[in-house]
Amino acid sequence: MSKKWMHKSAAAFALFLWSAAAWAEYKLNLQLPQTVLGEKIYDLHTIITIVCFVIFIGVFGFMFYSVFKHRKSVGHKAAQFHENTAVEVAWTLIPFLILIAMAVPATGTLIAMRDTSEPDMTIKATGYQWKWGYDYLKGEGEGISFYSNLSTPRAQIDGTDVAGRNANPHYLLETDNHVVVPVGKKVRVLVTAADVIHAWYVPALAVKQDAVPGFIRDTWFKAEKAGIYRGQCAELCGRDHGFMPIVVEVMEPAQYTAWVAEQQKKMAANKVDPNKTWTLEDLKAHGEKIYAQNCVACHQATGMGVPNAFPALAGSKVVLGPKADQIKLLLAGKPGTAMSSFKQLSDVDLAGVITYTRNAWSNKTGEAIAPAEIKTARN
């Protein structure tokens, strides 16, 4: 036996083991449900799949048996049974009874899916191109508000950090801020959008609802087990549609209370005095934080952007040009590009980030954009 043949055999065996391991992780089913409603949906899916399989076997088995047993080559002649009342009643009544049998549990599950009454807490989820904004409207965390952005490094997305991407277990499924809820509480989610149609979808929690601009739609879930559950926008909302993950972190009550206290403390520290007189340095410092939260993924910390994908802001004609044009761009976005509207940001936030970009890196305009200028442009 040659060494060359042995090496090939070893490589083939290793490939077989790798394939077997890969197939072991491969699943053709729903995610395991983590809510009572999810279990109902999972069971309904299983029952209907079995019913369809039995019908498939019965129909095609009978058809193939008839074709084989009564074929012409063994002397059978085609029979005629038009207007056979018994046959017509049978093939009408049997499917009708099957549909009724499936409709009963399906109707109960659909009614349960729409029952958003008496929630323990309410969260508003707003879809943007391409991130989610969350406002806690009712419950222990009332008043908490934040944006949730994709946190996968741009280098992994662009393929310049292949090793990092391969080692990342949550590639394109991790965010900088999680939606945090307590275990065992009914959470009502009000879903809407600020620009195009999105969809809030977390399979393990059995929750999916379209987010339509100008409309408020609702759904709910009640997680029975603490953990982290991931989902994505399930609507084709634009070129970066795949970069809009959803991460729901379910905590024990004591942990959730601590998280609420921490978030409230952060919000109090970041609260802006409406009567403050903003200097250039104040606006730059505030704008740098807003830039890091909303712009750095595309335009990079250096302001140099990503070649052939996202334009550089350092030395940009827009950034160094008339400030009215840059204000308009951030408020309205640029249709047909990845530059979406940021009108959801406050006047102070927009004034800060514009001031920062006009005075960071090689940009040295010396201009400060006042929040009042943003307010005027909005109107």
Protein backbone atom coordinates (compact mmCIF):
# COMPACT_ATOMS: atom_id res chain seq x y z
CA MET A 1 0.00 0.00 0.00
CA SER A 2 1.62 3.27 -1.12
CA LYS A 3 1.98 6.27 1.18
CA LYS A 4 0.21 8.44 -1.39
CA TRP A 5 -2.84 6.16 -1.30
CA MET A 6 -2.76 6.13 2.52
CA HIS A 7 -2.71 9.95 2.62
CA LYS A 8 -5.67 10.11 0.24
CA SER A 9 -7.58 7.55 2.31
CA ALA A 10 -6.89 9.47 5.51
CA ALA A 11 -8.03 12.72 3.89
CA ALA A 12 -11.21 11.07 2.60
CA PHE A 13 -11.94 9.59 6.04
CA ALA A 14 -11.37 12.98 7.70
CA LEU A 15 -13.72 14.60 5.18
CA PHE A 16 -16.34 11.95 5.94
CA LEU A 17 -16.08 12.61 9.70
CA TRP A 18 -16.31 16.37 9.13
CA SER A 19 -19.38 15.90 6.91
CA ALA A 20 -21.03 13.66 9.51
CA ALA A 21 -20.41 16.25 12.22
CA ALA A 22 -21.79 18.99 9.99
CA TRP A 23 -24.93 16.99 9.23
CA ALA A 24 -25.38 16.32 12.95
CA GLU A 25 -25.69 20.09 13.47
CA TYR A 26 -27.95 20.54 10.46
CA LYS A 27 -31.61 20.96 11.35
CA LEU A 28 -34.71 21.06 9.19
CA ASN A 29 -37.20 22.22 11.78
CA LEU A 30 -38.31 25.19 13.84
CA GLN A 31 -36.12 26.47 16.66
CA LEU A 32 -36.92 24.91 20.01
CA PRO A 33 -39.67 27.05 21.55
CA GLN A 34 -39.01 28.94 24.78
CA THR A 35 -42.59 30.09 25.39
CA VAL A 36 -45.92 28.30 25.95
CA LEU A 37 -47.25 29.88 22.76
CA GLY A 38 -44.15 28.70 20.93
CA GLU A 39 -44.82 25.15 22.10
CA LYS A 40 -48.36 25.37 20.73
CA ILE A 41 -47.06 26.55 17.36
CA TYR A 42 -44.36 23.86 17.35
CA ASP A 43 -46.90 21.11 18.17
CA LEU A 44 -49.33 22.43 15.55
CA HIS A 45 -46.55 22.43 12.97
CA THR A 46 -45.63 18.84 13.87
CA ILE A 47 -49.23 17.58 13.77
CA ILE A 48 -50.00 19.17 10.41
CA THR A 49 -46.71 17.91 8.96
CA ILE A 50 -47.62 14.35 10.05
CA VAL A 51 -51.14 14.71 8.60
CA CYS A 52 -49.72 15.92 5.28
CA PHE A 53 -47.20 13.06 5.26
CA VAL A 54 -49.92 10.46 5.91
CA ILE A 55 -52.07 11.95 3.13
CA PHE A 56 -49.07 11.92 0.80
CA ILE A 57 -48.31 8.26 1.55
CA GLY A 58 -51.98 7.28 1.26
CA VAL A 59 -52.69 9.07 -2.02
CA PHE A 60 -49.49 8.21 -3.83
CA GLY A 61 -49.39 4.69 -2.37
CA PHE A 62 -52.90 3.99 -3.65
CA MET A 63 -52.07 5.59 -6.99
CA PHE A 64 -48.87 3.60 -7.52
CA TYR A 65 -50.58 0.38 -6.35
CA SER A 66 -53.42 0.93 -8.83
CA VAL A 67 -51.05 1.70 -11.69
CA PHE A 68 -48.92 -1.38 -10.98
CA LYS A 69 -51.68 -3.88 -10.11
CA HIS A 70 -54.06 -2.93 -12.90
CA ARG A 71 -51.61 -2.22 -15.69
CA LYS A 72 -52.51 -3.07 -19.26
CA SER A 73 -49.63 -5.53 -19.66
CA VAL A 74 -51.33 -8.02 -17.30
CA GLY A 75 -54.64 -7.84 -19.12
CA HIS A 76 -56.56 -5.12 -17.26
CA LYS A 77 -58.73 -2.66 -19.12
CA ALA A 78 -59.44 0.90 -18.05
CA ALA A 79 -62.65 1.13 -15.99
CA GLN A 80 -65.14 3.98 -16.27
CA PHE A 81 -66.93 5.24 -13.15
CA HIS A 82 -68.06 8.79 -14.01
CA GLU A 83 -70.72 10.27 -11.74
CA ASN A 84 -70.10 7.69 -9.05
CA THR A 85 -71.90 9.26 -6.10
CA ALA A 86 -70.10 7.26 -3.42
CA VAL A 87 -66.65 8.20 -4.76
CA GLU A 88 -67.54 11.89 -5.12
CA VAL A 89 -68.99 12.05 -1.59
CA ALA A 90 -65.90 10.31 -0.20
CA TRP A 91 -63.35 12.60 -1.85
CA THR A 92 -65.32 15.66 -0.74
CA LEU A 93 -66.20 14.61 2.80
CA ILE A 94 -62.82 13.16 3.84
CA PRO A 95 -60.76 16.33 3.00
CA PHE A 96 -63.47 18.45 4.64
CA LEU A 97 -63.20 16.47 7.89
CA ILE A 98 -59.40 16.63 7.77
CA LEU A 99 -59.49 20.42 7.34
CA ILE A 100 -61.92 20.81 10.25
CA ALA A 101 -59.70 18.61 12.44
CA MET A 102 -56.69 20.83 11.63
CA ALA A 103 -58.66 24.10 11.90
CA VAL A 104 -59.70 23.54 15.52
CA PRO A 105 -56.19 23.63 17.09
CA ALA A 106 -54.99 26.18 14.51
CA THR A 107 -57.79 28.61 15.38
CA GLY A 108 -57.05 28.32 19.10
CA THR A 109 -53.37 29.02 18.49
CA LEU A 110 -54.08 32.02 16.24
CA ILE A 111 -56.43 33.52 18.84
CA ALA A 112 -53.73 33.08 21.51
CA MET A 113 -51.17 34.77 19.23
CA ARG A 114 -53.38 37.86 18.95
CA ASP A 115 -54.25 38.13 22.65
CA THR A 116 -52.05 41.02 23.78
CA SER A 117 -54.35 41.95 26.68
CA GLU A 118 -53.12 42.52 30.24
CA PRO A 119 -49.35 42.65 29.61
CA ASP A 120 -46.89 43.01 32.47
CA MET A 121 -44.78 45.38 30.38
CA THR A 122 -44.91 47.10 26.99
CA ILE A 123 -42.01 47.84 24.65
CA LYS A 124 -42.19 49.83 21.43
CA ALA A 125 -39.89 48.54 18.66
CA THR A 126 -39.23 50.92 15.75
CA GLY A 127 -37.47 49.71 12.62
CA TYR A 128 -34.96 51.93 10.85
CA GLN A 129 -32.65 51.30 7.93
CA TRP A 130 -30.88 49.37 9.43
CA LYS A 131 -31.28 49.16 13.18
CA TRP A 132 -33.98 48.95 15.84
CA GLY A 133 -35.03 51.57 18.34
CA TYR A 134 -36.66 50.52 21.63
CA ASP A 135 -38.79 52.47 24.11
CA TYR A 136 -39.99 50.87 27.34
CA LEU A 137 -43.50 52.27 27.76
CA LYS A 138 -44.93 50.23 30.64
CA GLY A 139 -43.50 48.16 33.47
CA GLU A 140 -40.49 48.33 35.71
CA GLY A 141 -38.23 49.72 32.97
CA GLU A 142 -40.62 52.49 31.90
CA GLY A 143 -38.75 55.44 30.38
CA ILE A 144 -35.74 53.46 29.14
CA SER A 145 -34.92 54.13 25.48
CA PHE A 146 -32.04 53.06 23.24
CA TYR A 147 -30.99 51.99 19.73
CA SER A 148 -29.78 48.50 18.89
CA ASN A 149 -27.18 48.23 16.12
CA LEU A 150 -25.35 45.32 14.52
CA SER A 151 -22.05 44.85 16.37
CA THR A 152 -20.30 42.46 13.96
CA PRO A 153 -17.03 44.19 12.94
CA ARG A 154 -17.02 45.63 9.43
CA ALA A 155 -13.80 43.78 8.63
CA GLN A 156 -15.58 40.45 9.11
CA ILE A 157 -18.47 41.52 6.88
CA ASP A 158 -16.14 42.74 4.11
CA GLY A 159 -14.04 39.57 4.29
CA THR A 160 -10.78 41.21 5.36
CA ASP A 161 -10.96 39.37 8.69
CA VAL A 162 -11.95 35.86 7.62
CA ALA A 163 -10.41 34.23 10.70
CA GLY A 164 -12.41 36.49 13.00
CA ARG A 165 -15.60 35.81 11.06
CA ASN A 166 -15.09 32.03 11.21
CA ALA A 167 -14.45 32.24 14.96
CA ASN A 168 -17.49 34.46 15.60
CA PRO A 169 -20.38 32.23 16.81
CA HIS A 170 -22.87 35.07 16.37
CA TYR A 171 -21.79 36.51 13.04
CA LEU A 172 -24.42 39.07 11.94
CA LEU A 173 -26.56 38.09 14.95
CA GLU A 174 -25.11 40.26 17.74
CA THR A 175 -26.06 43.81 18.71
CA ASP A 176 -24.52 46.52 20.86
CA ASN A 177 -27.67 46.74 23.00
CA HIS A 178 -29.95 43.85 23.86
CA VAL A 179 -33.69 44.01 24.49
CA VAL A 180 -33.79 42.95 28.14
CA VAL A 181 -36.94 41.52 29.75
CA PRO A 182 -37.67 39.54 32.93
CA VAL A 183 -38.45 35.84 32.80
CA GLY A 184 -42.07 34.79 33.23
CA LYS A 185 -43.57 38.20 32.36
CA LYS A 186 -45.97 38.88 29.50
CA VAL A 187 -44.29 41.39 27.20
CA ARG A 188 -46.38 43.31 24.68
CA VAL A 189 -44.38 44.65 21.74
CA LEU A 190 -45.71 47.59 19.73
CA VAL A 191 -44.08 47.40 16.31
CA THR A 192 -43.73 50.21 13.78
CA ALA A 193 -41.19 51.62 11.30
CA ALA A 194 -39.77 55.02 10.45
CA ASP A 195 -38.91 54.50 6.78
CA VAL A 196 -39.78 51.22 5.00
CA ILE A 197 -41.46 47.94 6.00
CA HIS A 198 -39.44 45.86 8.46
CA ALA A 199 -40.41 42.80 10.54
CA TRP A 200 -39.61 42.01 14.18
CA TYR A 201 -38.91 38.27 14.30
CA VAL A 202 -37.52 36.10 17.12
CA PRO A 203 -38.22 32.43 16.27
CA ALA A 204 -37.50 30.89 19.70
CA LEU A 205 -40.02 33.27 21.30
CA ALA A 206 -42.64 32.55 18.60
CA VAL A 207 -43.00 36.23 17.77
CA LYS A 208 -43.10 37.83 14.32
CA GLN A 209 -44.80 41.08 13.37
CA ASP A 210 -44.40 43.40 10.38
CA ALA A 211 -43.30 46.95 11.13
CA VAL A 212 -45.18 49.29 8.78
CA PRO A 213 -44.52 53.05 8.60
CA GLY A 214 -47.47 55.04 9.92
CA PHE A 215 -49.05 52.05 11.68
CA ILE A 216 -48.72 50.54 15.15
CA ARG A 217 -49.12 46.76 15.27
CA ASP A 218 -48.66 44.58 18.32
CA THR A 219 -47.56 41.13 19.34
CA TRP A 220 -46.46 39.49 22.58
CA PHE A 221 -44.31 36.83 24.19
CA LYS A 222 -43.69 35.37 27.63
CA ALA A 223 -40.32 33.67 27.99
CA GLU A 224 -40.32 30.75 30.40
CA LYS A 225 -36.54 30.36 30.58
CA ALA A 226 -33.72 32.87 31.08
CA GLY A 227 -31.29 33.12 28.19
CA ILE A 228 -30.40 34.99 25.02
CA TYR A 229 -32.61 34.57 21.96
CA ARG A 230 -31.72 35.89 18.53
CA GLY A 231 -33.69 36.92 15.48
CA GLN A 232 -33.50 39.21 12.46
CA CYS A 233 -35.59 41.57 10.42
CA ALA A 234 -37.70 39.22 8.28
CA GLU A 235 -38.69 41.74 5.61
CA LEU A 236 -36.64 42.74 2.55
CA CYS A 237 -36.04 46.30 3.75
CA GLY A 238 -33.09 47.32 1.59
CA ARG A 239 -29.52 46.50 0.62
CA ASP A 240 -28.36 46.03 4.24
CA HIS A 241 -31.41 43.96 5.17
CA GLY A 242 -29.20 41.17 6.55
CA PHE A 243 -27.53 43.56 9.03
CA MET A 244 -30.57 44.12 11.27
CA PRO A 245 -30.41 41.50 14.02
CA ILE A 246 -32.61 41.34 17.13
CA VAL A 247 -31.28 40.05 20.44
CA VAL A 248 -33.65 39.48 23.36
CA GLU A 249 -32.01 38.77 26.71
CA VAL A 250 -34.31 37.20 29.29
CA MET A 251 -33.12 37.73 32.87
CA GLU A 252 -34.17 36.55 36.30
CA PRO A 253 -36.22 39.23 38.15
CA ALA A 254 -33.36 40.36 40.43
CA GLN A 255 -30.96 40.69 37.47
CA TYR A 256 -33.56 42.60 35.49
CA THR A 257 -34.13 45.05 38.34
CA ALA A 258 -30.38 45.68 38.50
CA TRP A 259 -30.27 46.21 34.71
CA VAL A 260 -33.13 48.74 34.91
CA ALA A 261 -31.32 50.67 37.66
CA GLU A 262 -28.11 50.72 35.59
CA GLN A 263 -29.93 51.96 32.47
CA GLN A 264 -31.75 54.68 34.39
CA LYS A 265 -28.45 55.81 35.88
CA LYS A 266 -26.90 56.02 32.40
CA MET A 267 -29.87 57.97 31.06
CA ALA A 268 -29.69 60.44 33.93
CA ALA A 269 -25.96 60.95 33.30
CA ASN A 270 -26.57 61.52 29.57
CA LYS A 271 -29.61 63.76 30.00
CA VAL A 272 -29.17 67.01 28.13
CA ASP A 273 -30.07 70.31 29.77
CA PRO A 274 -32.49 72.03 27.33
CA ASN A 275 -31.29 75.45 28.49
CA LYS A 276 -27.60 74.70 28.01
CA THR A 277 -25.53 77.03 25.88
CA TRP A 278 -23.50 74.79 23.59
CA THR A 279 -19.91 75.62 22.72
CA LEU A 280 -17.97 74.15 19.80
CA GLU A 281 -16.05 71.82 22.12
CA ASP A 282 -19.23 70.69 23.91
CA LEU A 283 -20.91 69.84 20.61
CA LYS A 284 -17.80 68.00 19.34
CA ALA A 285 -17.60 65.89 22.50
CA HIS A 286 -21.30 65.04 22.36
CA GLY A 287 -21.18 64.43 18.61
CA GLU A 288 -18.26 62.02 18.95
CA LYS A 289 -20.45 59.75 21.11
CA ILE A 290 -23.35 59.94 18.64
CA TYR A 291 -20.97 59.20 15.76
CA ALA A 292 -19.64 56.10 17.57
CA GLN A 293 -23.19 54.84 18.13
CA ASN A 294 -24.62 55.49 14.68
CA CYS A 295 -21.99 56.18 12.02
CA VAL A 296 -18.73 54.41 12.78
CA ALA A 297 -19.76 51.03 11.30
CA CYS A 298 -19.96 52.52 7.81
CA HIS A 299 -17.71 55.58 7.86
CA GLN A 300 -15.14 54.10 10.28
CA ALA A 301 -13.50 55.73 13.31
CA THR A 302 -10.93 57.33 11.00
CA GLY A 303 -13.63 58.94 8.87
CA MET A 304 -12.17 57.22 5.80
CA GLY A 305 -15.21 55.04 5.07
CA VAL A 306 -15.01 51.73 3.19
CA PRO A 307 -13.75 51.90 -0.43
CA ASN A 308 -16.47 51.21 -3.02
CA ALA A 309 -19.08 50.87 -0.26
CA PHE A 310 -19.25 53.86 2.08
CA PRO A 311 -17.79 57.30 1.30
CA ALA A 312 -15.13 58.95 3.42
CA LEU A 313 -16.18 61.89 5.59
CA ALA A 314 -12.63 63.18 6.02
CA GLY A 315 -12.19 65.67 3.21
CA SER A 316 -15.76 65.12 1.99
CA LYS A 317 -17.25 67.86 -0.19
CA VAL A 318 -20.58 67.41 1.59
CA VAL A 319 -19.09 67.69 5.08
CA LEU A 320 -16.89 70.64 4.14
CA GLY A 321 -19.59 72.30 2.04
CA PRO A 322 -22.62 74.37 3.10
CA LYS A 323 -23.91 73.18 6.46
CA ALA A 324 -27.52 73.37 5.25
CA ASP A 325 -26.79 70.58 2.73
CA GLN A 326 -25.34 68.29 5.39
CA ILE A 327 -28.27 68.95 7.73
CA LYS A 328 -30.70 68.13 4.92
CA LEU A 329 -28.80 64.90 4.13
CA LEU A 330 -29.02 63.64 7.72
CA LEU A 331 -32.69 64.53 8.04
CA ALA A 332 -33.83 63.12 4.69
CA GLY A 333 -31.18 60.53 3.83
CA LYS A 334 -30.21 59.76 0.24
CA PRO A 335 -32.61 57.43 -1.63
CA GLY A 336 -30.99 54.54 -3.45
CA THR A 337 -27.98 54.42 -1.12
CA ALA A 338 -27.18 53.07 2.34
CA MET A 339 -27.45 56.61 3.72
CA SER A 340 -30.78 56.50 5.54
CA SER A 341 -32.50 59.33 7.39
CA PHE A 342 -31.40 60.01 10.97
CA LYS A 343 -34.34 62.26 11.79
CA GLN A 344 -35.08 60.01 14.77
CA LEU A 345 -32.10 61.56 16.57
CA SER A 346 -32.71 64.64 18.70
CA ASP A 347 -31.80 68.16 17.60
CA VAL A 348 -28.86 68.13 20.04
CA ASP A 349 -27.63 64.76 18.76
CA LEU A 350 -27.75 65.85 15.11
CA ALA A 351 -26.14 69.21 15.88
CA GLY A 352 -23.40 67.40 17.78
CA VAL A 353 -22.60 64.79 15.15
CA ILE A 354 -22.57 67.34 12.31
CA THR A 355 -20.31 69.63 14.34
CA TYR A 356 -18.04 66.67 15.10
CA THR A 357 -17.69 65.56 11.47
CA ARG A 358 -16.96 69.12 10.33
CA ASN A 359 -14.17 69.46 12.87
CA ALA A 360 -12.69 65.97 13.19
CA TRP A 361 -9.80 64.26 11.36
CA SER A 362 -8.53 66.59 8.63
CA ASN A 363 -11.76 68.60 8.63
CA LYS A 364 -11.20 71.91 10.42
CA THR A 365 -14.10 74.20 9.53
CA GLY A 366 -14.32 75.76 12.99
CA GLU A 367 -18.12 75.76 12.62
CA ALA A 368 -20.54 74.83 15.40
CA ILE A 369 -24.04 73.76 14.39
CA ALA A 370 -26.59 74.92 16.98
CA PRO A 371 -29.52 72.62 17.92
CA ALA A 372 -31.83 75.50 16.95
CA GLU A 373 -30.60 75.21 13.35
CA ILE A 374 -31.65 71.54 13.27
CA LYS A 375 -35.05 72.44 14.70
CA THR A 376 -35.55 75.09 12.02
CA ALA A 377 -34.53 72.65 9.26
CA ARG A 378 -37.02 70.06 10.53
CA ASN A 379 -39.85 72.54 10.25
